[in-house]
Amino acid sequence: MSVDLNMIMSIPQISVIMAVYNGEDYIKLAIDSVLSQSFTDYEFIIVDDCSTDSTEKIILSYKDTRIKYLRNKVNVGQTPSLNIGLQSAQGEYIARIDADDIYLPGKLQKQFNFMEKNSNVAVCGTNGLKIDENGKVIGTFKVPQKPKEILFNIYYGSPLIHVSVLMRRSVIIENGPYDENFPYCADFALWSNLLKKQYQIAN
């Protein structure tokens, strides 16, 4: 049996997944923030859920080979679109971003370093900044950091900002995918399931 080393080397360490529907207003900023990351060993899977605006045109204007564009044949909603992205993902880790989000430059590198040093952690999230339509910071999103605080917070809401997470793909595939019975809070259902099974979550 032979192994193609070129195939092994071409597998990215991170798969960034975006599901988008009519995101023309902000998607360019979101894509640019991913492509300008200091960490570069990733694939960027964008699942277009049948957008009717210029979203497709904007995505196709990029020639970066890390972008993997998938367009649904029919509009299925965000959760099924995320699962389509998961099925296509090859990376050891899964990252999330939406069309109206922006990554800070060192985000992926910092989280990748943390996950590599903490093999017991299944999902790592972060705090976040709230910005207006002009990119001005107007607030912050704070998340619990201590394990007991994360476990306590799950009873009142999501202890993670979904679009901030870096997840071990093997764990998500084994315990997922996203439950399509939850069109808007499938991430919360996933975190609840992981914590119930005593997986470690960190922020």
N, C-alpha and C. Protein backbone atom coordinates (compact mmCIF):
# COMPACT_ATOMS: atom_id res chain seq x y z
N MET A 1 0.85 -1.20 0.00
CA MET A 1 0.00 0.00 0.00
C MET A 1 0.89 1.25 0.00
N SER A 2 0.63 2.18 -0.89
CA SER A 2 1.41 3.41 -0.96
C SER A 2 0.57 4.59 -0.49
N VAL A 3 1.25 5.62 0.01
CA VAL A 3 0.59 6.82 0.49
C VAL A 3 1.09 8.01 -0.31
N ASP A 4 0.18 8.79 -0.83
CA ASP A 4 0.53 9.98 -1.59
C ASP A 4 0.84 11.11 -0.61
N LEU A 5 2.12 11.43 -0.43
CA LEU A 5 2.53 12.45 0.51
C LEU A 5 2.00 13.82 0.12
N ASN A 6 1.84 14.07 -1.17
CA ASN A 6 1.30 15.36 -1.61
C ASN A 6 -0.13 15.56 -1.14
N MET A 7 -0.91 14.46 -1.12
CA MET A 7 -2.29 14.55 -0.63
C MET A 7 -2.31 14.86 0.85
N ILE A 8 -1.41 14.20 1.61
CA ILE A 8 -1.36 14.43 3.05
C ILE A 8 -1.00 15.88 3.33
N MET A 9 -0.01 16.39 2.61
CA MET A 9 0.47 17.74 2.85
C MET A 9 -0.56 18.79 2.45
N SER A 10 -1.49 18.44 1.56
CA SER A 10 -2.46 19.41 1.08
C SER A 10 -3.67 19.54 2.00
N ILE A 11 -3.80 18.66 2.97
CA ILE A 11 -4.93 18.73 3.90
C ILE A 11 -4.72 19.89 4.86
N PRO A 12 -5.64 20.84 4.92
CA PRO A 12 -5.46 22.02 5.79
C PRO A 12 -5.63 21.67 7.26
N GLN A 13 -5.04 22.46 8.11
CA GLN A 13 -5.18 22.24 9.55
C GLN A 13 -6.53 22.76 10.06
N ILE A 14 -7.05 23.80 9.42
CA ILE A 14 -8.32 24.38 9.84
C ILE A 14 -9.26 24.51 8.65
N SER A 15 -10.53 24.20 8.86
CA SER A 15 -11.58 24.47 7.88
C SER A 15 -12.46 25.58 8.45
N VAL A 16 -12.45 26.74 7.81
CA VAL A 16 -13.32 27.84 8.21
C VAL A 16 -14.62 27.71 7.42
N ILE A 17 -15.75 27.70 8.13
CA ILE A 17 -17.05 27.50 7.47
C ILE A 17 -17.94 28.72 7.63
N MET A 18 -18.46 29.19 6.52
CA MET A 18 -19.45 30.27 6.50
C MET A 18 -20.69 29.79 5.74
N ALA A 19 -21.86 30.01 6.32
CA ALA A 19 -23.12 29.82 5.60
C ALA A 19 -23.72 31.20 5.40
N VAL A 20 -24.12 31.50 4.16
CA VAL A 20 -24.57 32.86 3.87
C VAL A 20 -25.82 32.85 3.00
N TYR A 21 -26.69 33.82 3.28
CA TYR A 21 -27.86 34.06 2.42
C TYR A 21 -28.03 35.57 2.30
N ASN A 22 -27.91 36.08 1.09
CA ASN A 22 -28.05 37.52 0.82
C ASN A 22 -27.18 38.36 1.77
N GLY A 23 -25.90 38.14 1.71
CA GLY A 23 -24.98 38.83 2.61
C GLY A 23 -24.15 39.91 1.94
N GLU A 24 -24.64 40.49 0.85
CA GLU A 24 -23.83 41.42 0.05
C GLU A 24 -23.33 42.64 0.84
N ASP A 25 -24.05 43.06 1.87
CA ASP A 25 -23.67 44.29 2.58
C ASP A 25 -22.33 44.17 3.31
N TYR A 26 -22.05 42.99 3.87
CA TYR A 26 -20.88 42.85 4.73
C TYR A 26 -19.93 41.71 4.36
N ILE A 27 -20.32 40.85 3.43
CA ILE A 27 -19.54 39.63 3.21
C ILE A 27 -18.11 39.91 2.74
N LYS A 28 -17.89 41.00 2.02
CA LYS A 28 -16.52 41.29 1.58
C LYS A 28 -15.61 41.54 2.78
N LEU A 29 -16.09 42.28 3.76
CA LEU A 29 -15.31 42.54 4.97
C LEU A 29 -15.03 41.24 5.71
N ALA A 30 -16.03 40.36 5.76
CA ALA A 30 -15.87 39.08 6.45
C ALA A 30 -14.82 38.22 5.75
N ILE A 31 -14.93 38.11 4.43
CA ILE A 31 -13.96 37.31 3.66
C ILE A 31 -12.56 37.88 3.80
N ASP A 32 -12.42 39.21 3.68
CA ASP A 32 -11.11 39.85 3.80
C ASP A 32 -10.48 39.57 5.16
N SER A 33 -11.30 39.54 6.21
CA SER A 33 -10.76 39.31 7.55
C SER A 33 -10.24 37.89 7.72
N VAL A 34 -10.81 36.95 6.98
CA VAL A 34 -10.30 35.57 7.01
C VAL A 34 -9.02 35.46 6.20
N LEU A 35 -9.03 36.04 5.01
CA LEU A 35 -7.88 35.93 4.11
C LEU A 35 -6.66 36.69 4.63
N SER A 36 -6.86 37.63 5.55
CA SER A 36 -5.74 38.39 6.09
C SER A 36 -5.22 37.83 7.42
N GLN A 37 -5.66 36.63 7.79
CA GLN A 37 -5.20 36.01 9.03
C GLN A 37 -3.70 35.73 8.99
N SER A 38 -3.04 35.88 10.15
CA SER A 38 -1.62 35.54 10.23
C SER A 38 -1.42 34.03 10.08
N PHE A 39 -2.41 33.24 10.51
CA PHE A 39 -2.40 31.79 10.30
C PHE A 39 -2.95 31.53 8.90
N THR A 40 -2.24 30.75 8.10
CA THR A 40 -2.61 30.62 6.69
C THR A 40 -2.97 29.21 6.24
N ASP A 41 -2.78 28.20 7.10
CA ASP A 41 -3.02 26.82 6.67
C ASP A 41 -4.47 26.43 6.91
N TYR A 42 -5.34 26.96 6.07
CA TYR A 42 -6.77 26.68 6.22
C TYR A 42 -7.44 26.62 4.85
N GLU A 43 -8.61 26.01 4.84
CA GLU A 43 -9.52 26.12 3.70
C GLU A 43 -10.71 26.94 4.17
N PHE A 44 -11.30 27.69 3.26
CA PHE A 44 -12.41 28.59 3.60
C PHE A 44 -13.63 28.13 2.80
N ILE A 45 -14.51 27.40 3.48
CA ILE A 45 -15.70 26.85 2.83
C ILE A 45 -16.87 27.82 2.98
N ILE A 46 -17.38 28.32 1.87
CA ILE A 46 -18.51 29.24 1.88
C ILE A 46 -19.70 28.55 1.23
N VAL A 47 -20.75 28.34 2.02
CA VAL A 47 -21.97 27.70 1.53
C VAL A 47 -23.01 28.78 1.29
N ASP A 48 -23.33 29.01 0.03
CA ASP A 48 -24.30 30.04 -0.36
C ASP A 48 -25.68 29.38 -0.46
N ASP A 49 -26.58 29.82 0.40
CA ASP A 49 -27.90 29.21 0.47
C ASP A 49 -28.87 29.88 -0.50
N CYS A 50 -28.49 29.87 -1.78
CA CYS A 50 -29.32 30.42 -2.86
C CYS A 50 -29.56 31.93 -2.72
N SER A 51 -28.51 32.67 -2.49
CA SER A 51 -28.64 34.12 -2.40
C SER A 51 -29.20 34.69 -3.70
N THR A 52 -30.01 35.75 -3.57
CA THR A 52 -30.61 36.40 -4.73
C THR A 52 -30.01 37.78 -4.98
N ASP A 53 -29.07 38.21 -4.13
CA ASP A 53 -28.40 39.49 -4.32
C ASP A 53 -27.04 39.25 -4.97
N SER A 54 -26.07 40.11 -4.74
CA SER A 54 -24.76 39.99 -5.39
C SER A 54 -23.76 39.17 -4.59
N THR A 55 -24.24 38.40 -3.61
CA THR A 55 -23.35 37.60 -2.78
C THR A 55 -22.47 36.68 -3.62
N GLU A 56 -23.06 35.94 -4.54
CA GLU A 56 -22.29 35.00 -5.36
C GLU A 56 -21.22 35.73 -6.17
N LYS A 57 -21.58 36.85 -6.76
CA LYS A 57 -20.63 37.63 -7.57
C LYS A 57 -19.44 38.08 -6.73
N ILE A 58 -19.71 38.53 -5.51
CA ILE A 58 -18.65 38.99 -4.62
C ILE A 58 -17.70 37.84 -4.28
N ILE A 59 -18.27 36.68 -3.93
CA ILE A 59 -17.45 35.52 -3.57
C ILE A 59 -16.58 35.09 -4.74
N LEU A 60 -17.18 35.01 -5.92
CA LEU A 60 -16.46 34.53 -7.10
C LEU A 60 -15.40 35.52 -7.59
N SER A 61 -15.45 36.76 -7.09
CA SER A 61 -14.44 37.75 -7.49
C SER A 61 -13.09 37.46 -6.84
N TYR A 62 -13.08 36.62 -5.81
CA TYR A 62 -11.83 36.25 -5.14
C TYR A 62 -11.19 35.07 -5.88
N LYS A 63 -9.89 35.13 -6.04
CA LYS A 63 -9.15 34.07 -6.73
C LYS A 63 -8.28 33.26 -5.77
N ASP A 64 -8.45 33.47 -4.48
CA ASP A 64 -7.67 32.74 -3.48
C ASP A 64 -8.07 31.26 -3.51
N THR A 65 -7.11 30.38 -3.71
CA THR A 65 -7.40 28.95 -3.86
C THR A 65 -7.89 28.30 -2.57
N ARG A 66 -7.77 28.99 -1.45
CA ARG A 66 -8.25 28.42 -0.19
C ARG A 66 -9.78 28.50 -0.09
N ILE A 67 -10.39 29.35 -0.91
CA ILE A 67 -11.85 29.48 -0.88
C ILE A 67 -12.48 28.33 -1.65
N LYS A 68 -13.41 27.66 -0.99
CA LYS A 68 -14.16 26.56 -1.59
C LYS A 68 -15.64 26.97 -1.60
N TYR A 69 -16.15 27.35 -2.76
CA TYR A 69 -17.50 27.89 -2.86
C TYR A 69 -18.50 26.78 -3.20
N LEU A 70 -19.53 26.67 -2.36
CA LEU A 70 -20.60 25.70 -2.58
C LEU A 70 -21.92 26.46 -2.63
N ARG A 71 -22.72 26.21 -3.65
CA ARG A 71 -24.02 26.88 -3.73
C ARG A 71 -25.12 25.83 -3.69
N ASN A 72 -26.05 26.00 -2.73
CA ASN A 72 -27.16 25.07 -2.60
C ASN A 72 -28.10 25.20 -3.81
N LYS A 73 -28.72 24.08 -4.20
CA LYS A 73 -29.66 24.09 -5.31
C LYS A 73 -30.98 24.72 -4.90
N VAL A 74 -31.34 24.56 -3.62
CA VAL A 74 -32.54 25.18 -3.07
C VAL A 74 -32.18 25.80 -1.72
N ASN A 75 -32.98 26.75 -1.28
CA ASN A 75 -32.75 27.38 0.02
C ASN A 75 -33.15 26.42 1.13
N VAL A 76 -32.19 26.06 1.99
CA VAL A 76 -32.45 25.06 3.03
C VAL A 76 -32.33 25.62 4.44
N GLY A 77 -31.79 26.84 4.59
CA GLY A 77 -31.62 27.42 5.90
C GLY A 77 -30.19 27.29 6.41
N GLN A 78 -29.90 28.00 7.50
CA GLN A 78 -28.51 28.07 7.98
C GLN A 78 -28.00 26.75 8.53
N THR A 79 -28.78 26.08 9.38
CA THR A 79 -28.28 24.87 10.01
C THR A 79 -27.95 23.77 8.99
N PRO A 80 -28.85 23.44 8.06
CA PRO A 80 -28.48 22.46 7.03
C PRO A 80 -27.28 22.91 6.19
N SER A 81 -27.18 24.22 5.94
CA SER A 81 -26.05 24.74 5.16
C SER A 81 -24.74 24.54 5.91
N LEU A 82 -24.77 24.73 7.23
CA LEU A 82 -23.57 24.49 8.03
C LEU A 82 -23.17 23.01 7.97
N ASN A 83 -24.15 22.14 7.99
CA ASN A 83 -23.85 20.70 7.90
C ASN A 83 -23.26 20.34 6.54
N ILE A 84 -23.71 21.01 5.50
CA ILE A 84 -23.11 20.81 4.17
C ILE A 84 -21.64 21.21 4.20
N GLY A 85 -21.36 22.32 4.89
CA GLY A 85 -19.98 22.75 5.04
C GLY A 85 -19.16 21.76 5.84
N LEU A 86 -19.74 21.22 6.91
CA LEU A 86 -19.05 20.23 7.73
C LEU A 86 -18.71 18.98 6.92
N GLN A 87 -19.64 18.55 6.09
CA GLN A 87 -19.42 17.35 5.28
C GLN A 87 -18.25 17.54 4.31
N SER A 88 -18.04 18.77 3.90
CA SER A 88 -16.97 19.07 2.94
C SER A 88 -15.63 19.33 3.62
N ALA A 89 -15.66 19.63 4.92
CA ALA A 89 -14.45 20.05 5.64
C ALA A 89 -13.44 18.92 5.77
N GLN A 90 -12.17 19.27 5.63
CA GLN A 90 -11.08 18.31 5.75
C GLN A 90 -10.14 18.62 6.91
N GLY A 91 -10.21 19.83 7.45
CA GLY A 91 -9.27 20.26 8.47
C GLY A 91 -9.38 19.50 9.77
N GLU A 92 -8.31 19.52 10.55
CA GLU A 92 -8.32 18.92 11.89
C GLU A 92 -9.24 19.71 12.80
N TYR A 93 -9.33 21.01 12.54
CA TYR A 93 -10.17 21.90 13.35
C TYR A 93 -11.21 22.58 12.45
N ILE A 94 -12.33 22.95 13.07
CA ILE A 94 -13.40 23.68 12.39
C ILE A 94 -13.54 25.05 13.03
N ALA A 95 -13.52 26.10 12.22
CA ALA A 95 -13.79 27.45 12.69
C ALA A 95 -15.06 27.95 12.02
N ARG A 96 -15.72 28.91 12.66
CA ARG A 96 -16.98 29.45 12.12
C ARG A 96 -16.90 30.95 11.94
N ILE A 97 -17.56 31.43 10.92
CA ILE A 97 -17.74 32.86 10.74
C ILE A 97 -19.02 33.06 9.94
N ASP A 98 -19.74 34.14 10.20
CA ASP A 98 -20.91 34.49 9.41
C ASP A 98 -20.56 35.67 8.51
N ALA A 99 -21.45 35.98 7.58
CA ALA A 99 -21.17 37.00 6.57
C ALA A 99 -21.10 38.41 7.16
N ASP A 100 -21.61 38.60 8.37
CA ASP A 100 -21.56 39.92 9.00
C ASP A 100 -20.60 39.95 10.19
N ASP A 101 -19.62 39.06 10.19
CA ASP A 101 -18.62 39.00 11.25
C ASP A 101 -17.24 39.36 10.70
N ILE A 102 -16.35 39.76 11.59
CA ILE A 102 -14.97 40.07 11.22
C ILE A 102 -14.02 39.41 12.21
N TYR A 103 -13.02 38.72 11.68
CA TYR A 103 -11.95 38.16 12.51
C TYR A 103 -10.89 39.23 12.77
N LEU A 104 -10.39 39.30 14.00
CA LEU A 104 -9.19 40.09 14.25
C LEU A 104 -8.00 39.32 13.70
N PRO A 105 -6.91 40.00 13.30
CA PRO A 105 -5.82 39.37 12.54
C PRO A 105 -5.21 38.11 13.13
N GLY A 106 -5.01 38.04 14.45
CA GLY A 106 -4.33 36.89 15.03
C GLY A 106 -5.25 35.83 15.61
N LYS A 107 -6.54 35.93 15.31
CA LYS A 107 -7.54 35.05 15.94
C LYS A 107 -7.26 33.57 15.74
N LEU A 108 -7.10 33.13 14.51
CA LEU A 108 -6.92 31.69 14.24
C LEU A 108 -5.62 31.17 14.83
N GLN A 109 -4.55 31.97 14.73
CA GLN A 109 -3.26 31.52 15.25
C GLN A 109 -3.31 31.31 16.75
N LYS A 110 -3.91 32.26 17.48
CA LYS A 110 -3.99 32.15 18.94
C LYS A 110 -4.81 30.93 19.36
N GLN A 111 -5.93 30.71 18.70
CA GLN A 111 -6.77 29.57 19.06
C GLN A 111 -6.12 28.24 18.67
N PHE A 112 -5.47 28.23 17.51
CA PHE A 112 -4.77 27.01 17.09
C PHE A 112 -3.68 26.66 18.11
N ASN A 113 -2.91 27.64 18.52
CA ASN A 113 -1.85 27.40 19.51
C ASN A 113 -2.43 26.84 20.80
N PHE A 114 -3.56 27.42 21.23
CA PHE A 114 -4.20 26.97 22.47
C PHE A 114 -4.66 25.52 22.36
N MET A 115 -5.32 25.19 21.26
CA MET A 115 -5.85 23.83 21.08
C MET A 115 -4.74 22.81 20.95
N GLU A 116 -3.64 23.18 20.32
CA GLU A 116 -2.51 22.27 20.19
C GLU A 116 -1.87 21.97 21.55
N LYS A 117 -1.94 22.94 22.45
CA LYS A 117 -1.35 22.76 23.78
C LYS A 117 -2.32 22.13 24.78
N ASN A 118 -3.60 22.09 24.43
CA ASN A 118 -4.63 21.58 25.35
C ASN A 118 -5.46 20.52 24.64
N SER A 119 -4.91 19.33 24.54
CA SER A 119 -5.55 18.25 23.78
C SER A 119 -6.85 17.77 24.41
N ASN A 120 -7.11 18.15 25.66
CA ASN A 120 -8.34 17.74 26.33
C ASN A 120 -9.52 18.65 25.99
N VAL A 121 -9.27 19.76 25.33
CA VAL A 121 -10.32 20.73 25.02
C VAL A 121 -10.92 20.41 23.65
N ALA A 122 -12.25 20.30 23.60
CA ALA A 122 -12.95 19.98 22.35
C ALA A 122 -13.31 21.23 21.55
N VAL A 123 -13.67 22.29 22.28
CA VAL A 123 -14.11 23.54 21.63
C VAL A 123 -13.53 24.72 22.39
N CYS A 124 -13.00 25.68 21.65
CA CYS A 124 -12.45 26.89 22.25
C CYS A 124 -13.14 28.10 21.63
N GLY A 125 -13.74 28.93 22.48
CA GLY A 125 -14.37 30.16 22.03
C GLY A 125 -13.59 31.38 22.50
N THR A 126 -14.11 32.57 22.23
CA THR A 126 -13.45 33.82 22.64
C THR A 126 -14.51 34.84 23.05
N ASN A 127 -14.04 35.93 23.66
CA ASN A 127 -14.89 37.10 23.81
C ASN A 127 -15.08 37.74 22.45
N GLY A 128 -15.90 38.77 22.37
CA GLY A 128 -16.11 39.43 21.09
C GLY A 128 -16.38 40.91 21.26
N LEU A 129 -16.23 41.64 20.16
CA LEU A 129 -16.56 43.06 20.12
C LEU A 129 -17.82 43.25 19.29
N LYS A 130 -18.69 44.13 19.74
CA LYS A 130 -19.89 44.46 18.99
C LYS A 130 -19.62 45.73 18.19
N ILE A 131 -19.85 45.68 16.87
CA ILE A 131 -19.61 46.84 16.02
C ILE A 131 -20.88 47.24 15.28
N ASP A 132 -20.92 48.53 14.90
CA ASP A 132 -22.08 48.99 14.12
C ASP A 132 -21.81 48.80 12.63
N GLU A 133 -22.71 49.30 11.79
CA GLU A 133 -22.58 49.07 10.35
C GLU A 133 -21.37 49.78 9.73
N ASN A 134 -20.77 50.69 10.49
CA ASN A 134 -19.57 51.39 10.01
C ASN A 134 -18.28 50.82 10.59
N GLY A 135 -18.40 49.73 11.36
CA GLY A 135 -17.22 49.11 11.95
C GLY A 135 -16.78 49.71 13.26
N LYS A 136 -17.55 50.65 13.81
CA LYS A 136 -17.20 51.28 15.08
C LYS A 136 -17.58 50.35 16.24
N VAL A 137 -16.66 50.18 17.19
CA VAL A 137 -16.93 49.34 18.35
C VAL A 137 -17.93 50.03 19.26
N ILE A 138 -19.03 49.34 19.55
CA ILE A 138 -20.09 49.92 20.38
C ILE A 138 -20.39 49.08 21.62
N GLY A 139 -19.65 48.00 21.79
CA GLY A 139 -19.88 47.16 22.97
C GLY A 139 -19.01 45.91 22.94
N THR A 140 -19.16 45.11 23.96
CA THR A 140 -18.38 43.87 24.05
C THR A 140 -19.29 42.70 24.39
N PHE A 141 -18.87 41.51 24.00
CA PHE A 141 -19.53 40.28 24.38
C PHE A 141 -18.58 39.51 25.30
N LYS A 142 -18.97 39.32 26.54
CA LYS A 142 -18.14 38.61 27.50
C LYS A 142 -18.69 37.21 27.70
N VAL A 143 -17.81 36.23 27.74
CA VAL A 143 -18.22 34.85 27.95
C VAL A 143 -17.52 34.28 29.19
N PRO A 144 -18.13 33.29 29.83
CA PRO A 144 -17.50 32.68 31.01
C PRO A 144 -16.23 31.94 30.63
N GLN A 145 -15.24 31.93 31.54
CA GLN A 145 -13.96 31.32 31.23
C GLN A 145 -13.64 30.10 32.08
N LYS A 146 -14.03 30.12 33.33
CA LYS A 146 -13.73 28.97 34.19
C LYS A 146 -14.68 27.82 33.86
N PRO A 147 -14.19 26.57 33.89
CA PRO A 147 -15.03 25.40 33.55
C PRO A 147 -16.36 25.36 34.29
N LYS A 148 -16.35 25.66 35.59
CA LYS A 148 -17.59 25.63 36.37
C LYS A 148 -18.55 26.73 35.92
N GLU A 149 -18.00 27.88 35.53
CA GLU A 149 -18.84 28.98 35.06
C GLU A 149 -19.48 28.63 33.71
N ILE A 150 -18.71 27.98 32.85
CA ILE A 150 -19.24 27.55 31.56
C ILE A 150 -20.38 26.56 31.76
N LEU A 151 -20.16 25.60 32.65
CA LEU A 151 -21.18 24.58 32.93
C LEU A 151 -22.43 25.22 33.53
N PHE A 152 -22.25 26.19 34.41
CA PHE A 152 -23.37 26.88 35.05
C PHE A 152 -24.17 27.68 34.02
N ASN A 153 -23.45 28.36 33.11
CA ASN A 153 -24.10 29.24 32.14
C ASN A 153 -24.92 28.49 31.11
N ILE A 154 -24.64 27.21 30.88
CA ILE A 154 -25.38 26.45 29.88
C ILE A 154 -26.86 26.34 30.23
N TYR A 155 -27.18 26.54 31.52
CA TYR A 155 -28.59 26.47 31.95
C TYR A 155 -29.36 27.74 31.59
N TYR A 156 -28.64 28.79 31.22
CA TYR A 156 -29.29 30.07 30.96
C TYR A 156 -29.08 30.58 29.53
N GLY A 157 -28.18 29.98 28.81
CA GLY A 157 -27.91 30.39 27.44
C GLY A 157 -26.59 29.83 26.98
N SER A 158 -26.21 30.15 25.78
CA SER A 158 -24.97 29.60 25.22
C SER A 158 -23.75 30.20 25.91
N PRO A 159 -22.83 29.37 26.39
CA PRO A 159 -21.61 29.88 27.02
C PRO A 159 -20.52 30.21 26.00
N LEU A 160 -20.84 30.06 24.72
CA LEU A 160 -19.88 30.31 23.65
C LEU A 160 -20.49 31.24 22.61
N ILE A 161 -19.65 32.08 22.02
CA ILE A 161 -20.06 32.83 20.85
C ILE A 161 -19.79 31.94 19.64
N HIS A 162 -20.83 31.49 18.98
CA HIS A 162 -20.70 30.47 17.95
C HIS A 162 -19.66 30.82 16.89
N VAL A 163 -19.70 32.07 16.40
CA VAL A 163 -18.79 32.44 15.32
C VAL A 163 -17.36 32.70 15.80
N SER A 164 -17.11 32.48 17.09
CA SER A 164 -15.74 32.65 17.61
C SER A 164 -15.03 31.32 17.79
N VAL A 165 -15.74 30.22 17.66
CA VAL A 165 -15.17 28.94 18.11
C VAL A 165 -14.16 28.32 17.14
N LEU A 166 -13.27 27.53 17.73
CA LEU A 166 -12.42 26.60 17.00
C LEU A 166 -12.70 25.23 17.62
N MET A 167 -13.14 24.27 16.81
CA MET A 167 -13.60 22.97 17.30
C MET A 167 -12.77 21.84 16.72
N ARG A 168 -12.57 20.79 17.49
CA ARG A 168 -11.91 19.61 16.94
C ARG A 168 -12.90 18.89 16.02
N ARG A 169 -12.54 18.78 14.78
CA ARG A 169 -13.44 18.19 13.80
C ARG A 169 -13.85 16.77 14.19
N SER A 170 -12.92 15.97 14.70
CA SER A 170 -13.22 14.58 15.06
C SER A 170 -14.32 14.50 16.10
N VAL A 171 -14.30 15.43 17.06
CA VAL A 171 -15.32 15.45 18.12
C VAL A 171 -16.67 15.85 17.55
N ILE A 172 -16.67 16.86 16.67
CA ILE A 172 -17.93 17.34 16.10
C ILE A 172 -18.55 16.29 15.18
N ILE A 173 -17.72 15.62 14.39
CA ILE A 173 -18.23 14.57 13.50
C ILE A 173 -18.81 13.42 14.33
N GLU A 174 -18.13 13.07 15.42
CA GLU A 174 -18.58 11.95 16.25
C GLU A 174 -19.85 12.29 17.01
N ASN A 175 -20.03 13.55 17.38
CA ASN A 175 -21.16 13.94 18.22
C ASN A 175 -22.16 14.85 17.51
N GLY A 176 -21.94 15.11 16.27
CA GLY A 176 -22.80 15.99 15.50
C GLY A 176 -23.50 15.22 14.40
N PRO A 177 -23.84 15.87 13.32
CA PRO A 177 -23.54 17.28 13.07
C PRO A 177 -24.51 18.19 13.83
N TYR A 178 -24.68 19.42 13.36
CA TYR A 178 -25.66 20.30 13.96
C TYR A 178 -27.05 19.69 13.82
N ASP A 179 -27.84 19.78 14.89
CA ASP A 179 -29.19 19.23 14.88
C ASP A 179 -30.10 20.14 14.06
N GLU A 180 -30.59 19.65 12.94
CA GLU A 180 -31.39 20.47 12.04
C GLU A 180 -32.81 20.71 12.54
N ASN A 181 -33.15 20.15 13.69
CA ASN A 181 -34.42 20.49 14.34
C ASN A 181 -34.35 21.86 15.00
N PHE A 182 -33.12 22.42 15.08
CA PHE A 182 -32.91 23.73 15.69
C PHE A 182 -32.38 24.70 14.63
N PRO A 183 -33.27 25.43 13.94
CA PRO A 183 -32.82 26.30 12.85
C PRO A 183 -32.00 27.50 13.32
N TYR A 184 -32.17 27.93 14.58
CA TYR A 184 -31.50 29.15 15.04
C TYR A 184 -30.57 28.94 16.23
N CYS A 185 -30.66 27.83 16.91
CA CYS A 185 -29.81 27.64 18.10
C CYS A 185 -29.18 26.25 18.10
N ALA A 186 -28.82 25.78 16.93
CA ALA A 186 -28.20 24.46 16.82
C ALA A 186 -26.86 24.40 17.52
N ASP A 187 -26.18 25.54 17.59
CA ASP A 187 -24.91 25.57 18.31
C ASP A 187 -25.11 25.32 19.80
N PHE A 188 -26.14 25.92 20.37
CA PHE A 188 -26.45 25.72 21.78
C PHE A 188 -26.77 24.26 22.07
N ALA A 189 -27.50 23.62 21.17
CA ALA A 189 -27.81 22.19 21.33
C ALA A 189 -26.52 21.36 21.27
N LEU A 190 -25.59 21.76 20.40
CA LEU A 190 -24.33 21.02 20.28
C LEU A 190 -23.49 21.18 21.54
N TRP A 191 -23.36 22.40 22.06
CA TRP A 191 -22.58 22.59 23.30
C TRP A 191 -23.20 21.81 24.44
N SER A 192 -24.51 21.83 24.54
CA SER A 192 -25.20 21.10 25.61
C SER A 192 -24.90 19.61 25.53
N ASN A 193 -24.92 19.07 24.32
CA ASN A 193 -24.64 17.66 24.11
C ASN A 193 -23.20 17.32 24.50
N LEU A 194 -22.26 18.19 24.12
CA LEU A 194 -20.86 17.94 24.43
C LEU A 194 -20.60 18.00 25.94
N LEU A 195 -21.18 18.99 26.61
CA LEU A 195 -21.00 19.10 28.05
C LEU A 195 -21.64 17.93 28.79
N LYS A 196 -22.78 17.47 28.27
CA LYS A 196 -23.46 16.32 28.87
C LYS A 196 -22.57 15.09 28.80
N LYS A 197 -21.78 15.00 27.73
CA LYS A 197 -20.87 13.87 27.55
C LYS A 197 -19.50 14.13 28.18
N GLN A 198 -19.40 15.24 28.92
CA GLN A 198 -18.21 15.61 29.70
C GLN A 198 -17.01 15.98 28.82
N TYR A 199 -17.28 16.54 27.66
CA TYR A 199 -16.20 17.12 26.87
C TYR A 199 -15.83 18.48 27.47
N GLN A 200 -14.58 18.85 27.32
CA GLN A 200 -14.09 20.11 27.86
C GLN A 200 -14.32 21.23 26.86
N ILE A 201 -14.90 22.33 27.34
CA ILE A 201 -15.11 23.53 26.54
C ILE A 201 -14.38 24.68 27.22
N ALA A 202 -13.74 25.53 26.43
CA ALA A 202 -12.97 26.63 27.00
C ALA A 202 -13.26 27.93 26.27
N ASN A 203 -13.01 29.05 26.95
CA ASN A 203 -13.08 30.38 26.34
C ASN A 203 -11.80 31.12 26.69
